[in-house]
Amino acid sequence: DDFGTGYSSLEQLRNLPFDRIKIDRSFISEL
């Protein structure tokens, strides 16, 4: 959740078994 607001590394995203990424509303509002 809230992807982009924290400090997730690409290594964590690759190794942790997530099923989905949720783009934080702060980025969506910039559209």
PDB file of all heavy atoms in Angstrom:
ATOM      1  N   ASP A   1       0.829  -1.210   0.000  1.00  0.00           N
ATOM      2  CA  ASP A   1       0.000   0.000   0.000  1.00  0.00           C
ATOM      3  C   ASP A   1       0.862   1.258   0.000  1.00  0.00           C
ATOM      4  O   ASP A   1       2.005   1.254   0.482  1.00  0.00           O
ATOM      5  CB  ASP A   1      -0.913  -0.023   1.226  1.00  0.00           C
ATOM      6  CG  ASP A   1      -2.060   0.955   1.116  1.00  0.00           C
ATOM      7  OD1 ASP A   1      -2.336   1.427   0.000  1.00  0.00           O
ATOM      8  OD2 ASP A   1      -2.681   1.257   2.164  1.00  0.00           O
ATOM      9  N   ASP A   2       0.292   2.352  -0.507  1.00  0.00           N
ATOM     10  CA  ASP A   2       0.938   3.676  -0.501  1.00  0.00           C
ATOM     11  C   ASP A   2       2.329   3.619  -1.117  1.00  0.00           C
ATOM     12  O   ASP A   2       3.278   4.251  -0.611  1.00  0.00           O
ATOM     13  CB  ASP A   2       1.024   4.236   0.924  1.00  0.00           C
ATOM     14  CG  ASP A   2      -0.346   4.420   1.553  1.00  0.00           C
ATOM     15  OD1 ASP A   2      -1.320   4.576   0.801  1.00  0.00           O
ATOM     16  OD2 ASP A   2      -0.449   4.405   2.797  1.00  0.00           O
ATOM     17  N   PHE A   3       2.476   2.876  -2.190  1.00  0.00           N
ATOM     18  CA  PHE A   3       3.804   2.711  -2.788  1.00  0.00           C
ATOM     19  C   PHE A   3       4.354   4.061  -3.252  1.00  0.00           C
ATOM     20  O   PHE A   3       3.665   4.861  -3.872  1.00  0.00           O
ATOM     21  CB  PHE A   3       3.750   1.745  -3.972  1.00  0.00           C
ATOM     22  CG  PHE A   3       5.089   1.526  -4.622  1.00  0.00           C
ATOM     23  CD1 PHE A   3       6.032   0.735  -4.006  1.00  0.00           C
ATOM     24  CD2 PHE A   3       5.413   2.137  -5.827  1.00  0.00           C
ATOM     25  CE1 PHE A   3       7.276   0.539  -4.595  1.00  0.00           C
ATOM     26  CE2 PHE A   3       6.649   1.943  -6.414  1.00  0.00           C
ATOM     27  CZ  PHE A   3       7.579   1.149  -5.789  1.00  0.00           C
ATOM     28  N   GLY A   4       5.635   4.268  -2.947  1.00  0.00           N
ATOM     29  CA  GLY A   4       6.314   5.499  -3.347  1.00  0.00           C
ATOM     30  C   GLY A   4       6.495   6.481  -2.217  1.00  0.00           C
ATOM     31  O   GLY A   4       7.288   7.423  -2.327  1.00  0.00           O
ATOM     32  N   THR A   5       5.774   6.266  -1.097  1.00  0.00           N
ATOM     33  CA  THR A   5       5.888   7.198   0.028  1.00  0.00           C
ATOM     34  C   THR A   5       6.909   6.736   1.051  1.00  0.00           C
ATOM     35  O   THR A   5       7.248   7.486   1.963  1.00  0.00           O
ATOM     36  CB  THR A   5       4.529   7.362   0.730  1.00  0.00           C
ATOM     37  OG1 THR A   5       4.096   6.083   1.224  1.00  0.00           O
ATOM     38  CG2 THR A   5       3.497   7.898  -0.239  1.00  0.00           C
ATOM     39  N   GLY A   6       7.397   5.496   0.939  1.00  0.00           N
ATOM     40  CA  GLY A   6       8.353   4.970   1.905  1.00  0.00           C
ATOM     41  C   GLY A   6       9.704   4.738   1.278  1.00  0.00           C
ATOM     42  O   GLY A   6      10.135   5.483   0.398  1.00  0.00           O
ATOM     43  N   TYR A   7      10.359   3.642   1.695  1.00  0.00           N
ATOM     44  CA  TYR A   7      11.730   3.399   1.258  1.00  0.00           C
ATOM     45  C   TYR A   7      11.922   1.963   0.777  1.00  0.00           C
ATOM     46  O   TYR A   7      12.933   1.338   1.025  1.00  0.00           O
ATOM     47  CB  TYR A   7      12.711   3.678   2.408  1.00  0.00           C
ATOM     48  CG  TYR A   7      12.619   5.090   2.929  1.00  0.00           C
ATOM     49  CD1 TYR A   7      11.822   5.376   4.036  1.00  0.00           C
ATOM     50  CD2 TYR A   7      13.296   6.130   2.308  1.00  0.00           C
ATOM     51  CE1 TYR A   7      11.723   6.677   4.516  1.00  0.00           C
ATOM     52  CE2 TYR A   7      13.199   7.426   2.774  1.00  0.00           C
ATOM     53  CZ  TYR A   7      12.420   7.689   3.883  1.00  0.00           C
ATOM     54  OH  TYR A   7      12.310   8.968   4.350  1.00  0.00           O
ATOM     55  N   SER A   8      10.915   1.448   0.071  1.00  0.00           N
ATOM     56  CA  SER A   8      11.053   0.092  -0.454  1.00  0.00           C
ATOM     57  C   SER A   8      12.157   0.052  -1.506  1.00  0.00           C
ATOM     58  O   SER A   8      12.243   0.926  -2.367  1.00  0.00           O
ATOM     59  CB  SER A   8       9.737  -0.372  -1.090  1.00  0.00           C
ATOM     60  OG  SER A   8       8.739  -0.491  -0.110  1.00  0.00           O
ATOM     61  N   SER A   9      12.979  -0.965  -1.418  1.00  0.00           N
ATOM     62  CA  SER A   9      14.026  -1.135  -2.417  1.00  0.00           C
ATOM     63  C   SER A   9      13.547  -2.126  -3.476  1.00  0.00           C
ATOM     64  O   SER A   9      12.618  -2.912  -3.255  1.00  0.00           O
ATOM     65  CB  SER A   9      15.306  -1.669  -1.765  1.00  0.00           C
ATOM     66  OG  SER A   9      15.098  -2.979  -1.265  1.00  0.00           O
ATOM     67  N   LEU A  10      14.185  -2.075  -4.628  1.00  0.00           N
ATOM     68  CA  LEU A  10      13.842  -3.020  -5.685  1.00  0.00           C
ATOM     69  C   LEU A  10      14.101  -4.447  -5.222  1.00  0.00           C
ATOM     70  O   LEU A  10      13.382  -5.370  -5.617  1.00  0.00           O
ATOM     71  CB  LEU A  10      14.656  -2.704  -6.946  1.00  0.00           C
ATOM     72  CG  LEU A  10      14.349  -1.356  -7.618  1.00  0.00           C
ATOM     73  CD1 LEU A  10      15.276  -1.157  -8.813  1.00  0.00           C
ATOM     74  CD2 LEU A  10      12.893  -1.283  -8.047  1.00  0.00           C
ATOM     75  N   GLU A  11      15.107  -4.626  -4.390  1.00  0.00           N
ATOM     76  CA  GLU A  11      15.413  -5.959  -3.878  1.00  0.00           C
ATOM     77  C   GLU A  11      14.257  -6.494  -3.044  1.00  0.00           C
ATOM     78  O   GLU A  11      13.878  -7.673  -3.152  1.00  0.00           O
ATOM     79  CB  GLU A  11      16.694  -5.902  -3.039  1.00  0.00           C
ATOM     80  CG  GLU A  11      17.164  -7.250  -2.505  1.00  0.00           C
ATOM     81  CD  GLU A  11      17.702  -8.153  -3.611  1.00  0.00           C
ATOM     82  OE1 GLU A  11      17.975  -7.633  -4.717  1.00  0.00           O
ATOM     83  OE2 GLU A  11      17.839  -9.361  -3.365  1.00  0.00           O
ATOM     84  N   GLN A  12      13.663  -5.618  -2.223  1.00  0.00           N
ATOM     85  CA  GLN A  12      12.536  -6.043  -1.405  1.00  0.00           C
ATOM     86  C   GLN A  12      11.329  -6.392  -2.268  1.00  0.00           C
ATOM     87  O   GLN A  12      10.646  -7.389  -2.034  1.00  0.00           O
ATOM     88  CB  GLN A  12      12.168  -4.944  -0.408  1.00  0.00           C
ATOM     89  CG  GLN A  12      13.178  -4.778   0.724  1.00  0.00           C
ATOM     90  CD  GLN A  12      12.869  -3.577   1.592  1.00  0.00           C
ATOM     91  OE1 GLN A  12      12.242  -2.629   1.145  1.00  0.00           O
ATOM     92  NE2 GLN A  12      13.316  -3.612   2.835  1.00  0.00           N
ATOM     93  N   LEU A  13      11.069  -5.573  -3.276  1.00  0.00           N
ATOM     94  CA  LEU A  13       9.940  -5.851  -4.161  1.00  0.00           C
ATOM     95  C   LEU A  13      10.139  -7.159  -4.926  1.00  0.00           C
ATOM     96  O   LEU A  13       9.186  -7.879  -5.208  1.00  0.00           O
ATOM     97  CB  LEU A  13       9.747  -4.701  -5.144  1.00  0.00           C
ATOM     98  CG  LEU A  13       9.172  -3.396  -4.579  1.00  0.00           C
ATOM     99  CD1 LEU A  13       9.143  -2.327  -5.661  1.00  0.00           C
ATOM    100  CD2 LEU A  13       7.777  -3.624  -4.031  1.00  0.00           C
ATOM    101  N   ARG A  14      11.375  -7.443  -5.256  1.00  0.00           N
ATOM    102  CA  ARG A  14      11.652  -8.661  -6.031  1.00  0.00           C
ATOM    103  C   ARG A  14      11.581  -9.902  -5.153  1.00  0.00           C
ATOM    104  O   ARG A  14      11.105 -10.959  -5.591  1.00  0.00           O
ATOM    105  CB  ARG A  14      13.037  -8.565  -6.677  1.00  0.00           C
ATOM    106  CG  ARG A  14      13.353  -9.696  -7.637  1.00  0.00           C
ATOM    107  CD  ARG A  14      14.639  -9.422  -8.381  1.00  0.00           C
ATOM    108  NE  ARG A  14      15.784  -9.387  -7.486  1.00  0.00           N
ATOM    109  CZ  ARG A  14      16.478 -10.477  -7.119  1.00  0.00           C
ATOM    110  NH1 ARG A  14      16.134 -11.664  -7.599  1.00  0.00           N
ATOM    111  NH2 ARG A  14      17.505 -10.371  -6.320  1.00  0.00           N
ATOM    112  N   ASN A  15      12.022  -9.776  -3.889  1.00  0.00           N
ATOM    113  CA  ASN A  15      12.108 -10.950  -3.022  1.00  0.00           C
ATOM    114  C   ASN A  15      10.845 -11.204  -2.204  1.00  0.00           C
ATOM    115  O   ASN A  15      10.550 -12.352  -1.866  1.00  0.00           O
ATOM    116  CB  ASN A  15      13.302 -10.814  -2.065  1.00  0.00           C
ATOM    117  CG  ASN A  15      14.626 -10.909  -2.805  1.00  0.00           C
ATOM    118  OD1 ASN A  15      14.706 -11.523  -3.866  1.00  0.00           O
ATOM    119  ND2 ASN A  15      15.665 -10.301  -2.252  1.00  0.00           N
ATOM    120  N   LEU A  16      10.112 -10.152  -1.866  1.00  0.00           N
ATOM    121  CA  LEU A  16       8.905 -10.345  -1.078  1.00  0.00           C
ATOM    122  C   LEU A  16       7.749 -10.718  -2.002  1.00  0.00           C
ATOM    123  O   LEU A  16       7.568 -10.110  -3.063  1.00  0.00           O
ATOM    124  CB  LEU A  16       8.560  -9.078  -0.298  1.00  0.00           C
ATOM    125  CG  LEU A  16       9.515  -8.750   0.855  1.00  0.00           C
ATOM    126  CD1 LEU A  16       9.177  -7.395   1.458  1.00  0.00           C
ATOM    127  CD2 LEU A  16       9.465  -9.830   1.929  1.00  0.00           C
ATOM    128  N   PRO A  17       6.955 -11.690  -1.623  1.00  0.00           N
ATOM    129  CA  PRO A  17       5.911 -12.216  -2.530  1.00  0.00           C
ATOM    130  C   PRO A  17       4.644 -11.368  -2.534  1.00  0.00           C
ATOM    131  O   PRO A  17       3.580 -11.797  -2.088  1.00  0.00           O
ATOM    132  CB  PRO A  17       5.643 -13.615  -1.954  1.00  0.00           C
ATOM    133  CG  PRO A  17       5.939 -13.490  -0.494  1.00  0.00           C
ATOM    134  CD  PRO A  17       7.057 -12.495  -0.386  1.00  0.00           C
ATOM    135  N   PHE A  18       4.727 -10.142  -3.060  1.00  0.00           N
ATOM    136  CA  PHE A  18       3.538  -9.308  -3.167  1.00  0.00           C
ATOM    137  C   PHE A  18       2.716  -9.724  -4.389  1.00  0.00           C
ATOM    138  O   PHE A  18       3.245 -10.226  -5.394  1.00  0.00           O
ATOM    139  CB  PHE A  18       3.921  -7.830  -3.299  1.00  0.00           C
ATOM    140  CG  PHE A  18       4.481  -7.240  -2.036  1.00  0.00           C
ATOM    141  CD1 PHE A  18       5.816  -6.871  -1.942  1.00  0.00           C
ATOM    142  CD2 PHE A  18       3.667  -7.053  -0.933  1.00  0.00           C
ATOM    143  CE1 PHE A  18       6.329  -6.336  -0.787  1.00  0.00           C
ATOM    144  CE2 PHE A  18       4.177  -6.512   0.237  1.00  0.00           C
ATOM    145  CZ  PHE A  18       5.521  -6.157   0.312  1.00  0.00           C
ATOM    146  N   ASP A  19       1.404  -9.482  -4.291  1.00  0.00           N
ATOM    147  CA  ASP A  19       0.505  -9.772  -5.399  1.00  0.00           C
ATOM    148  C   ASP A  19       0.069  -8.513  -6.143  1.00  0.00           C
ATOM    149  O   ASP A  19      -0.463  -8.603  -7.247  1.00  0.00           O
ATOM    150  CB  ASP A  19      -0.755 -10.489  -4.888  1.00  0.00           C
ATOM    151  CG  ASP A  19      -0.434 -11.825  -4.267  1.00  0.00           C
ATOM    152  OD1 ASP A  19      -0.014 -12.731  -5.006  1.00  0.00           O
ATOM    153  OD2 ASP A  19      -0.588 -11.972  -3.030  1.00  0.00           O
ATOM    154  N   ARG A  20       0.263  -7.334  -5.528  1.00  0.00           N
ATOM    155  CA  ARG A  20      -0.224  -6.098  -6.138  1.00  0.00           C
ATOM    156  C   ARG A  20       0.506  -4.904  -5.526  1.00  0.00           C
ATOM    157  O   ARG A  20       0.944  -4.952  -4.369  1.00  0.00           O
ATOM    158  CB  ARG A  20      -1.737  -5.959  -5.909  1.00  0.00           C
ATOM    159  CG  ARG A  20      -2.354  -4.686  -6.460  1.00  0.00           C
ATOM    160  CD  ARG A  20      -3.874  -4.735  -6.332  1.00  0.00           C
ATOM    161  NE  ARG A  20      -4.434  -5.775  -7.189  1.00  0.00           N
ATOM    162  CZ  ARG A  20      -4.739  -5.608  -8.458  1.00  0.00           C
ATOM    163  NH1 ARG A  20      -4.532  -4.415  -9.046  1.00  0.00           N
ATOM    164  NH2 ARG A  20      -5.250  -6.589  -9.165  1.00  0.00           N
ATOM    165  N   ILE A  21       0.630  -3.845  -6.319  1.00  0.00           N
ATOM    166  CA  ILE A  21       1.169  -2.567  -5.836  1.00  0.00           C
ATOM    167  C   ILE A  21       0.058  -1.527  -5.931  1.00  0.00           C
ATOM    168  O   ILE A  21      -0.636  -1.441  -6.948  1.00  0.00           O
ATOM    169  CB  ILE A  21       2.382  -2.117  -6.677  1.00  0.00           C
ATOM    170  CG1 ILE A  21       3.571  -3.052  -6.457  1.00  0.00           C
ATOM    171  CG2 ILE A  21       2.776  -0.687  -6.314  1.00  0.00           C
ATOM    172  CD1 ILE A  21       4.776  -2.718  -7.318  1.00  0.00           C
ATOM    173  N   LYS A  22      -0.100  -0.743  -4.870  1.00  0.00           N
ATOM    174  CA  LYS A  22      -1.084   0.332  -4.878  1.00  0.00           C
ATOM    175  C   LYS A  22      -0.337   1.662  -4.944  1.00  0.00           C
ATOM    176  O   LYS A  22       0.488   1.966  -4.069  1.00  0.00           O
ATOM    177  CB  LYS A  22      -1.966   0.275  -3.636  1.00  0.00           C
ATOM    178  CG  LYS A  22      -2.773  -1.020  -3.531  1.00  0.00           C
ATOM    179  CD  LYS A  22      -3.836  -0.939  -2.450  1.00  0.00           C
ATOM    180  CE  LYS A  22      -4.957  -0.025  -2.861  1.00  0.00           C
ATOM    181  NZ  LYS A  22      -6.076  -0.036  -1.892  1.00  0.00           N
ATOM    182  N   ILE A  23      -0.610   2.448  -5.979  1.00  0.00           N
ATOM    183  CA  ILE A  23       0.074   3.726  -6.187  1.00  0.00           C
ATOM    184  C   ILE A  23      -0.559   4.763  -5.254  1.00  0.00           C
ATOM    185  O   ILE A  23      -1.785   4.949  -5.255  1.00  0.00           O
ATOM    186  CB  ILE A  23      -0.030   4.185  -7.650  1.00  0.00           C
ATOM    187  CG1 ILE A  23       0.416   3.063  -8.582  1.00  0.00           C
ATOM    188  CG2 ILE A  23       0.809   5.431  -7.870  1.00  0.00           C
ATOM    189  CD1 ILE A  23       0.170   3.368 -10.058  1.00  0.00           C
ATOM    190  N   ASP A  24       0.269   5.446  -4.476  1.00  0.00           N
ATOM    191  CA  ASP A  24      -0.247   6.392  -3.490  1.00  0.00           C
ATOM    192  C   ASP A  24      -0.992   7.549  -4.150  1.00  0.00           C
ATOM    193  O   ASP A  24      -0.634   8.005  -5.249  1.00  0.00           O
ATOM    194  CB  ASP A  24       0.912   6.942  -2.646  1.00  0.00           C
ATOM    195  CG  ASP A  24       0.417   7.807  -1.510  1.00  0.00           C
ATOM    196  OD1 ASP A  24      -0.206   7.271  -0.575  1.00  0.00           O
ATOM    197  OD2 ASP A  24       0.643   9.037  -1.570  1.00  0.00           O
ATOM    198  N   ARG A  25      -2.034   8.039  -3.458  1.00  0.00           N
ATOM    199  CA  ARG A  25      -2.879   9.100  -4.005  1.00  0.00           C
ATOM    200  C   ARG A  25      -2.108  10.393  -4.268  1.00  0.00           C
ATOM    201  O   ARG A  25      -2.510  11.189  -5.117  1.00  0.00           O
ATOM    202  CB  ARG A  25      -4.043   9.380  -3.038  1.00  0.00           C
ATOM    203  CG  ARG A  25      -3.631   9.890  -1.672  1.00  0.00           C
ATOM    204  CD  ARG A  25      -4.858  10.124  -0.784  1.00  0.00           C
ATOM    205  NE  ARG A  25      -5.560   8.887  -0.526  1.00  0.00           N
ATOM    206  CZ  ARG A  25      -6.793   8.645  -0.975  1.00  0.00           C
ATOM    207  NH1 ARG A  25      -7.409   9.562  -1.711  1.00  0.00           N
ATOM    208  NH2 ARG A  25      -7.385   7.511  -0.694  1.00  0.00           N
ATOM    209  N   SER A  26      -0.997  10.615  -3.561  1.00  0.00           N
ATOM    210  CA  SER A  26      -0.222  11.843  -3.783  1.00  0.00           C
ATOM    211  C   SER A  26       0.353  11.887  -5.201  1.00  0.00           C
ATOM    212  O   SER A  26       0.477  12.965  -5.793  1.00  0.00           O
ATOM    213  CB  SER A  26       0.899  11.961  -2.750  1.00  0.00           C
ATOM    214  OG  SER A  26       1.806  10.879  -2.867  1.00  0.00           O
ATOM    215  N   PHE A  27       0.704  10.728  -5.765  1.00  0.00           N
ATOM    216  CA  PHE A  27       1.205  10.675  -7.143  1.00  0.00           C
ATOM    217  C   PHE A  27       0.059  10.765  -8.146  1.00  0.00           C
ATOM    218  O   PHE A  27       0.183  11.399  -9.197  1.00  0.00           O
ATOM    219  CB  PHE A  27       2.004   9.395  -7.374  1.00  0.00           C
ATOM    220  CG  PHE A  27       3.209   9.270  -6.490  1.00  0.00           C
ATOM    221  CD1 PHE A  27       3.315   8.237  -5.573  1.00  0.00           C
ATOM    222  CD2 PHE A  27       4.232  10.189  -6.546  1.00  0.00           C
ATOM    223  CE1 PHE A  27       4.409   8.120  -4.745  1.00  0.00           C
ATOM    224  CE2 PHE A  27       5.339  10.076  -5.730  1.00  0.00           C
ATOM    225  CZ  PHE A  27       5.429   9.050  -4.820  1.00  0.00           C
ATOM    226  N   ILE A  28      -1.043  10.104  -7.797  1.00  0.00           N
ATOM    227  CA  ILE A  28      -2.193  10.116  -8.701  1.00  0.00           C
ATOM    228  C   ILE A  28      -2.740  11.531  -8.864  1.00  0.00           C
ATOM    229  O   ILE A  28      -3.133  11.937  -9.971  1.00  0.00           O
ATOM    230  CB  ILE A  28      -3.293   9.172  -8.179  1.00  0.00           C
ATOM    231  CG1 ILE A  28      -2.760   7.739  -8.117  1.00  0.00           C
ATOM    232  CG2 ILE A  28      -4.539   9.255  -9.044  1.00  0.00           C
ATOM    233  CD1 ILE A  28      -2.323   7.185  -9.444  1.00  0.00           C
ATOM    234  N   SER A  29      -2.744  12.319  -7.794  1.00  0.00           N
ATOM    235  CA  SER A  29      -3.289  13.676  -7.871  1.00  0.00           C
ATOM    236  C   SER A  29      -2.474  14.560  -8.809  1.00  0.00           C
ATOM    237  O   SER A  29      -2.992  15.545  -9.355  1.00  0.00           O
ATOM    238  CB  SER A  29      -3.337  14.303  -6.474  1.00  0.00           C
ATOM    239  OG  SER A  29      -2.032  14.447  -5.939  1.00  0.00           O
ATOM    240  N   GLU A  30      -1.195  14.232  -9.028  1.00  0.00           N
ATOM    241  CA  GLU A  30      -0.348  15.028  -9.914  1.00  0.00           C
ATOM    242  C   GLU A  30      -0.724  14.863 -11.389  1.00  0.00           C
ATOM    243  O   GLU A  30      -0.246  15.622 -12.242  1.00  0.00           O
ATOM    244  CB  GLU A  30       1.120  14.657  -9.716  1.00  0.00           C
ATOM    245  CG  GLU A  30       1.655  15.059  -8.342  1.00  0.00           C
ATOM    246  CD  GLU A  30       3.121  14.704  -8.183  1.00  0.00           C
ATOM    247  OE1 GLU A  30       3.683  14.121  -9.135  1.00  0.00           O
ATOM    248  OE2 GLU A  30       3.684  15.010  -7.126  1.00  0.00           O
ATOM    249  N   LEU A  31      -1.577  13.901 -11.683  1.00  0.00           N
ATOM    250  CA  LEU A  31      -1.987  13.704 -13.075  1.00  0.00           C
ATOM    251  C   LEU A  31      -2.845  14.857 -13.586  1.00  0.00           C
ATOM    252  O   LEU A  31      -3.092  14.975 -14.785  1.00  0.00           O
ATOM    253  CB  LEU A  31      -2.759  12.386 -13.216  1.00  0.00           C
ATOM    254  CG  LEU A  31      -1.932  11.108 -12.985  1.00  0.00           C
ATOM    255  CD1 LEU A  31      -2.804   9.880 -13.083  1.00  0.00           C
ATOM    256  CD2 LEU A  31      -0.795  11.026 -14.001  1.00  0.00           C
TER     257      LEU A  31
END
